[in-house]
Amino acid sequence: MKTSDDGIFALALHEGIVPAPYKDSVGVWTYGIGHTLGAGHPDPAKMARGMPSNLDAALQDVFDLFRRDVVKYEDAVNRAVKVKVTQAQFDALVSFHYNTGAIGKASLVKRLNAGDFAGAAAGFMAWKKPPEIIERRKAEQALFATGVYPKGQATVWGVTSGGSVVWKPVRRLSRTEVLAMLDRPVAAPHSLTQAERDMADLERLGYKDVRAFQRNVGLAPDGVIGPMTRAKMHECLSHKMTRPAANSDATPVSPHVNEKPKNEQEQPDVLKPATKGRAHAMLGKLILALAAGMVALAAGAREWLGDVIDRLANLFG
């Protein structure tokens, strides 16, 4: 399923529009219509700060990125939901996931997949931190339960060069204007800076922290991706290494993928044949030794018992 036009507009209403990077209520660098690095590049923390001189062009960039981001969240919802839902329910789930990133672990999805639609609707309100998000969660819950979409205009907010939102509307966009921005041809893809390319390479290697990577490849952990660190990253990528060292303290960006050949993954035996043969021979010797020991123990016990009986007979005879 895809998000409807009403669902897209509801997202823009909930998220608001900020045409330059800012820190959200929990301190995460965000850009545009709720875009964070969690959705992929660009990284808002590395983008140009402050209000753009050309707001119209900046808004087009915002909506181009928004269009690409929504597809990722739609795909995740489609994978997580195993039952048939209405368009309004799907839109509510996309909005929930766009905000929380929790579609794969939220109990409301488990209830939904079990056929408990009322329980799923109630489950929206389990996600109400920080307090500023409660009204949004209520709107998503109402959309899921009743099919009623929120109304209003999407607000474009100002922002300082320090990343603080200026809570004074710069512009307001109607539903028609928002959808018109999305209907325009997509602008040229965002051109990554060198710093963004470096961080993307670091993530491909399974790291978020530059210092952790540097320590594991024997470089001075200064946290700066300079020529030596960049060269080592490219060397690791060329060898398809996910971790240069076994004892890494890096934080993986995605679950480790087992890259063994298929036939090796499907091999049912843990030990290789030669190793198994040696193991079987050693096991046989051990069993024989144990058996001999038990026989000797039994013979010794019989001898000791006979001696005790003889002593008792002499004592009372």
Protein backbone atom coordinates (compact mmCIF):
# COMPACT_ATOMS: atom_id res chain seq x y z
CA MET A 1 0.00 0.00 0.00
CA LYS A 2 0.97 3.63 -0.45
CA THR A 3 0.13 6.64 1.68
CA SER A 4 -2.88 8.57 0.42
CA ASP A 5 -2.82 12.29 -0.36
CA ASP A 6 -4.72 12.93 2.88
CA GLY A 7 -2.17 10.81 4.75
CA ILE A 8 0.73 12.76 3.22
CA PHE A 9 -0.84 16.06 4.22
CA ALA A 10 -1.52 14.76 7.74
CA LEU A 11 2.18 13.92 8.04
CA ALA A 12 3.16 17.43 6.99
CA LEU A 13 0.70 18.85 9.54
CA HIS A 14 2.12 16.73 12.36
CA GLU A 15 5.78 17.21 11.54
CA GLY A 16 5.81 20.86 10.55
CA ILE A 17 8.28 22.15 7.96
CA VAL A 18 11.67 23.63 8.82
CA PRO A 19 13.81 24.46 5.75
CA ALA A 20 17.17 24.10 7.56
CA PRO A 21 18.62 21.81 10.24
CA TYR A 22 17.31 22.10 13.79
CA LYS A 23 17.36 20.14 17.04
CA ASP A 24 14.06 18.50 17.91
CA SER A 25 12.54 18.28 21.40
CA VAL A 26 14.95 15.51 22.43
CA GLY A 27 18.04 17.06 20.83
CA VAL A 28 18.19 15.07 17.59
CA TRP A 29 19.34 16.98 14.51
CA THR A 30 16.40 17.11 12.11
CA TYR A 31 15.66 18.76 8.78
CA GLY A 32 12.70 19.56 6.60
CA ILE A 33 9.66 17.42 7.37
CA GLY A 34 10.99 15.35 10.24
CA HIS A 35 14.02 13.95 8.41
CA THR A 36 16.78 12.51 10.63
CA LEU A 37 19.88 10.50 9.83
CA GLY A 38 17.91 7.41 10.85
CA ALA A 39 16.07 7.67 7.53
CA GLY A 40 19.34 7.91 5.60
CA HIS A 41 21.41 10.70 4.12
CA PRO A 42 21.72 13.64 4.15
CA ASP A 43 22.76 14.01 7.75
CA PRO A 44 21.05 17.14 9.15
CA ALA A 45 23.95 17.69 11.55
CA LYS A 46 26.25 18.26 8.57
CA MET A 47 23.96 20.43 6.43
CA ALA A 48 24.15 24.20 6.05
CA ARG A 49 22.58 25.99 9.02
CA GLY A 50 20.26 28.97 9.16
CA MET A 51 17.34 30.15 7.05
CA PRO A 52 17.94 29.80 3.30
CA SER A 53 17.98 32.92 1.16
CA ASN A 54 15.68 31.30 -1.43
CA LEU A 55 12.79 29.80 0.54
CA ASP A 56 10.93 28.46 -2.52
CA ALA A 57 13.95 26.47 -3.71
CA ALA A 58 14.64 25.28 -0.18
CA LEU A 59 11.07 24.04 0.19
CA GLN A 60 11.37 22.09 -3.04
CA ASP A 61 14.46 20.37 -1.63
CA VAL A 62 12.53 19.62 1.56
CA PHE A 63 9.63 18.01 -0.30
CA ASP A 64 11.90 16.03 -2.60
CA LEU A 65 13.56 14.48 0.45
CA PHE A 66 10.19 13.98 2.16
CA ARG A 67 8.93 12.07 -0.86
CA ARG A 68 11.93 9.71 -0.71
CA ASP A 69 11.67 9.26 3.06
CA VAL A 70 7.96 8.37 3.01
CA VAL A 71 8.63 5.45 0.66
CA LYS A 72 11.03 3.90 3.18
CA TYR A 73 8.48 4.10 5.98
CA GLU A 74 5.71 2.76 3.74
CA ASP A 75 7.87 -0.23 2.88
CA ALA A 76 8.53 -0.94 6.57
CA VAL A 77 4.82 -0.79 7.42
CA ASN A 78 3.98 -3.09 4.52
CA ARG A 79 6.52 -5.62 5.81
CA ALA A 80 5.33 -5.44 9.41
CA VAL A 81 1.55 -5.62 8.89
CA LYS A 82 0.26 -9.09 8.01
CA VAL A 83 -3.48 -8.37 7.91
CA LYS A 84 -5.64 -6.32 5.58
CA VAL A 85 -6.09 -2.71 6.71
CA THR A 86 -8.02 0.27 5.40
CA GLN A 87 -6.31 3.21 3.74
CA ALA A 88 -6.85 5.35 6.83
CA GLN A 89 -5.37 2.66 9.08
CA PHE A 90 -2.34 2.34 6.83
CA ASP A 91 -1.85 6.12 6.81
CA ALA A 92 -2.06 6.20 10.61
CA LEU A 93 0.56 3.45 10.88
CA VAL A 94 2.92 5.25 8.48
CA SER A 95 2.58 8.43 10.53
CA PHE A 96 3.25 6.49 13.74
CA HIS A 97 6.33 4.81 12.26
CA TYR A 98 7.61 8.05 10.69
CA ASN A 99 7.64 9.56 14.17
CA THR A 100 8.73 6.62 16.33
CA GLY A 101 10.55 4.22 14.00
CA ALA A 102 8.92 1.46 16.06
CA ILE A 103 6.65 -0.36 13.62
CA GLY A 104 8.72 -3.53 13.98
CA LYS A 105 8.50 -3.74 17.78
CA ALA A 106 5.34 -1.93 18.89
CA SER A 107 2.79 -4.10 20.68
CA LEU A 108 0.02 -2.42 18.71
CA VAL A 109 1.29 -4.14 15.56
CA LYS A 110 1.29 -7.52 17.31
CA ARG A 111 -2.31 -6.93 18.34
CA LEU A 112 -3.20 -5.82 14.84
CA ASN A 113 -1.67 -8.91 13.26
CA ALA A 114 -3.62 -11.02 15.76
CA GLY A 115 -6.85 -9.44 14.52
CA ASP A 116 -7.37 -7.22 17.57
CA PHE A 117 -8.06 -3.90 15.84
CA ALA A 118 -9.49 -2.26 18.97
CA GLY A 119 -6.40 -3.27 20.94
CA ALA A 120 -4.19 -1.92 18.17
CA ALA A 121 -5.98 1.44 18.28
CA ALA A 122 -5.54 1.61 22.05
CA GLY A 123 -1.86 0.76 21.63
CA PHE A 124 -1.09 4.08 19.94
CA MET A 125 -1.26 5.79 23.33
CA ALA A 126 1.51 3.64 24.75
CA TRP A 127 3.86 5.91 22.79
CA LYS A 128 3.32 9.34 24.33
CA LYS A 129 6.76 10.63 25.29
CA PRO A 130 7.73 13.40 25.23
CA PRO A 131 4.45 15.04 26.31
CA GLU A 132 4.48 17.28 23.21
CA ILE A 133 3.68 14.21 21.10
CA ILE A 134 0.41 13.29 22.84
CA GLU A 135 -1.86 15.34 20.57
CA ARG A 136 -0.29 13.78 17.50
CA ARG A 137 -0.72 10.30 18.93
CA LYS A 138 -4.38 11.01 19.64
CA ALA A 139 -4.84 12.16 16.04
CA GLU A 140 -3.17 9.00 14.70
CA GLN A 141 -5.33 6.89 16.99
CA ALA A 142 -8.49 8.65 15.79
CA LEU A 143 -7.43 8.21 12.16
CA PHE A 144 -6.84 4.49 12.72
CA ALA A 145 -10.10 3.96 14.61
CA THR A 146 -12.50 6.27 12.78
CA GLY A 147 -10.87 7.24 9.47
CA VAL A 148 -11.03 10.95 10.30
CA TYR A 149 -8.04 12.91 8.96
CA PRO A 150 -6.74 16.07 10.66
CA LYS A 151 -7.45 19.44 9.07
CA GLY A 152 -5.55 22.70 8.90
CA GLN A 153 -2.49 24.13 7.19
CA ALA A 154 1.09 22.94 7.28
CA THR A 155 3.34 25.50 8.94
CA VAL A 156 6.78 26.49 7.73
CA TRP A 157 8.85 27.59 10.73
CA GLY A 158 11.96 29.72 10.91
CA VAL A 159 15.24 28.45 12.35
CA THR A 160 18.42 30.00 13.68
CA SER A 161 21.95 29.18 12.58
CA GLY A 162 22.36 27.45 15.96
CA GLY A 163 19.60 24.99 15.17
CA SER A 164 16.79 26.46 17.28
CA VAL A 165 13.32 26.65 15.79
CA VAL A 166 11.80 30.13 15.75
CA TRP A 167 8.18 29.56 16.70
CA LYS A 168 6.89 32.18 14.34
CA PRO A 169 5.31 30.97 11.07
CA VAL A 170 7.24 31.92 7.96
CA ARG A 171 4.59 30.52 5.65
CA ARG A 172 1.51 28.30 5.78
CA LEU A 173 0.70 25.71 3.12
CA SER A 174 -2.72 24.33 2.29
CA ARG A 175 -3.35 20.72 1.37
CA THR A 176 -3.40 21.72 -2.30
CA GLU A 177 -0.05 23.52 -2.01
CA VAL A 178 1.61 20.62 -0.20
CA LEU A 179 0.46 18.11 -2.81
CA ALA A 180 1.54 20.47 -5.61
CA MET A 181 5.05 20.55 -4.15
CA LEU A 182 5.13 16.76 -4.24
CA ASP A 183 3.83 16.59 -7.80
CA ARG A 184 6.72 18.60 -9.19
CA PRO A 185 9.61 16.79 -10.89
CA VAL A 186 12.19 15.56 -8.44
CA ALA A 187 15.21 17.82 -8.25
CA ALA A 188 18.71 16.47 -8.76
CA PRO A 189 19.70 14.08 -5.97
CA HIS A 190 21.40 15.61 -2.98
CA SER A 191 25.13 15.87 -3.58
CA LEU A 192 26.96 14.52 -0.54
CA THR A 193 29.81 16.46 0.98
CA GLN A 194 33.10 14.69 1.65
CA ALA A 195 32.17 14.45 5.34
CA GLU A 196 28.83 12.84 4.47
CA ARG A 197 30.52 10.35 2.12
CA ASP A 198 33.00 9.48 4.86
CA MET A 199 30.23 8.84 7.39
CA ALA A 200 28.34 6.74 4.86
CA ASP A 201 31.44 4.60 4.33
CA LEU A 202 31.90 4.28 8.09
CA GLU A 203 28.32 3.06 8.45
CA ARG A 204 28.82 0.51 5.68
CA LEU A 205 31.63 -0.92 7.79
CA GLY A 206 29.27 -1.17 10.77
CA TYR A 207 30.44 1.80 12.81
CA LYS A 208 28.97 5.01 14.12
CA ASP A 209 32.04 6.12 16.06
CA VAL A 210 35.17 7.14 14.14
CA ARG A 211 37.42 6.50 17.15
CA ALA A 212 36.24 2.90 17.48
CA PHE A 213 37.14 2.24 13.86
CA GLN A 214 40.53 3.93 14.24
CA ARG A 215 41.40 1.87 17.32
CA ASN A 216 40.49 -1.36 15.57
CA VAL A 217 42.72 -0.66 12.58
CA GLY A 218 45.70 0.56 14.59
CA LEU A 219 45.37 4.31 14.00
CA ALA A 220 45.49 7.06 16.59
CA PRO A 221 41.87 7.49 17.76
CA ASP A 222 41.52 11.24 17.21
CA GLY A 223 37.97 11.06 15.85
CA VAL A 224 38.91 12.85 12.62
CA ILE A 225 38.52 11.22 9.23
CA GLY A 226 41.69 12.39 7.54
CA PRO A 227 43.62 10.89 4.61
CA MET A 228 44.99 7.92 6.60
CA THR A 229 41.64 6.99 8.14
CA ARG A 230 39.89 7.42 4.80
CA ALA A 231 42.44 5.19 3.06
CA LYS A 232 42.00 2.49 5.70
CA MET A 233 38.22 2.70 5.35
CA HIS A 234 38.48 2.24 1.60
CA GLU A 235 40.86 -0.69 2.11
CA CYS A 236 38.36 -2.35 4.46
CA LEU A 237 35.49 -1.72 2.07
CA SER A 238 37.45 -3.22 -0.82
CA HIS A 239 37.91 -6.41 1.23
CA LYS A 240 34.24 -6.39 2.25
CA MET A 241 35.17 -6.25 5.90
CA THR A 242 32.38 -5.47 8.32
CA ARG A 243 34.72 -5.40 11.34
CA PRO A 244 38.51 -4.94 11.08
CA ALA A 245 39.01 -6.51 14.52
CA ALA A 246 37.20 -9.21 16.42
CA ASN A 247 36.84 -7.27 19.69
CA SER A 248 35.22 -4.16 18.32
CA ASP A 249 33.42 -1.68 20.53
CA ALA A 250 31.69 -0.05 17.57
CA THR A 251 27.94 0.26 17.51
CA PRO A 252 26.56 -1.60 14.50
CA VAL A 253 24.17 0.29 12.27
CA SER A 254 22.41 -2.85 11.08
CA PRO A 255 22.30 -6.53 12.16
CA HIS A 256 25.35 -8.53 11.25
CA VAL A 257 24.85 -10.45 8.03
CA ASN A 258 26.27 -13.95 7.75
CA GLU A 259 28.24 -13.90 4.54
CA LYS A 260 29.24 -17.56 4.48
CA PRO A 261 28.54 -19.42 1.21
CA LYS A 262 25.11 -20.94 1.03
CA ASN A 263 26.37 -24.52 1.03
CA GLU A 264 28.36 -23.80 4.17
CA GLN A 265 25.35 -22.31 5.92
CA GLU A 266 23.29 -25.37 5.12
CA GLN A 267 25.99 -27.80 6.35
CA PRO A 268 24.30 -29.73 9.20
CA ASP A 269 27.51 -31.04 10.84
CA VAL A 270 29.37 -28.75 13.21
CA LEU A 271 32.71 -30.64 12.84
CA LYS A 272 34.53 -31.29 9.61
CA PRO A 273 34.85 -35.00 8.63
CA ALA A 274 38.55 -35.36 9.61
CA THR A 275 37.94 -33.72 12.93
CA LYS A 276 34.92 -35.93 13.53
CA GLY A 277 37.00 -39.10 12.94
CA ARG A 278 39.59 -38.10 15.53
CA ALA A 279 36.86 -37.21 17.99
CA HIS A 280 35.17 -40.57 17.57
CA ALA A 281 38.47 -42.46 18.16
CA MET A 282 39.17 -40.49 21.33
CA LEU A 283 35.65 -41.11 22.56
CA GLY A 284 36.07 -44.88 22.03
CA LYS A 285 39.30 -44.95 24.04
CA LEU A 286 37.67 -43.00 26.83
CA ILE A 287 34.74 -45.44 27.02
CA LEU A 288 37.13 -48.44 27.20
CA ALA A 289 39.15 -46.80 29.95
CA LEU A 290 36.02 -46.07 31.97
CA ALA A 291 34.83 -49.67 31.56
CA ALA A 292 38.18 -51.08 32.74
CA GLY A 293 38.11 -48.79 35.72
CA MET A 294 34.63 -49.91 36.69
CA VAL A 295 35.68 -53.62 36.46
CA ALA A 296 38.73 -52.98 38.66
CA LEU A 297 36.60 -51.08 41.13
CA ALA A 298 34.12 -53.96 41.36
CA ALA A 299 36.89 -56.53 41.91
CA GLY A 300 38.42 -54.40 44.64
CA ALA A 301 35.07 -54.05 46.34
CA ARG A 302 34.53 -57.82 46.38
CA GLU A 303 37.99 -58.40 47.88
CA TRP A 304 37.41 -55.83 50.60
CA LEU A 305 33.98 -57.26 51.45
CA GLY A 306 35.45 -60.81 51.76
CA ASP A 307 38.12 -59.57 54.13
CA VAL A 308 35.51 -57.88 56.34
CA ILE A 309 33.45 -61.08 56.54
CA ASP A 310 36.51 -63.16 57.52
CA ARG A 311 37.38 -60.72 60.31
CA LEU A 312 33.84 -60.83 61.67
CA ALA A 313 33.82 -64.64 61.60
CA ASN A 314 37.08 -64.78 63.61
CA LEU A 315 35.73 -62.23 66.09
CA PHE A 316 32.50 -64.04 66.88
CA GLY A 317 33.56 -67.62 66.05
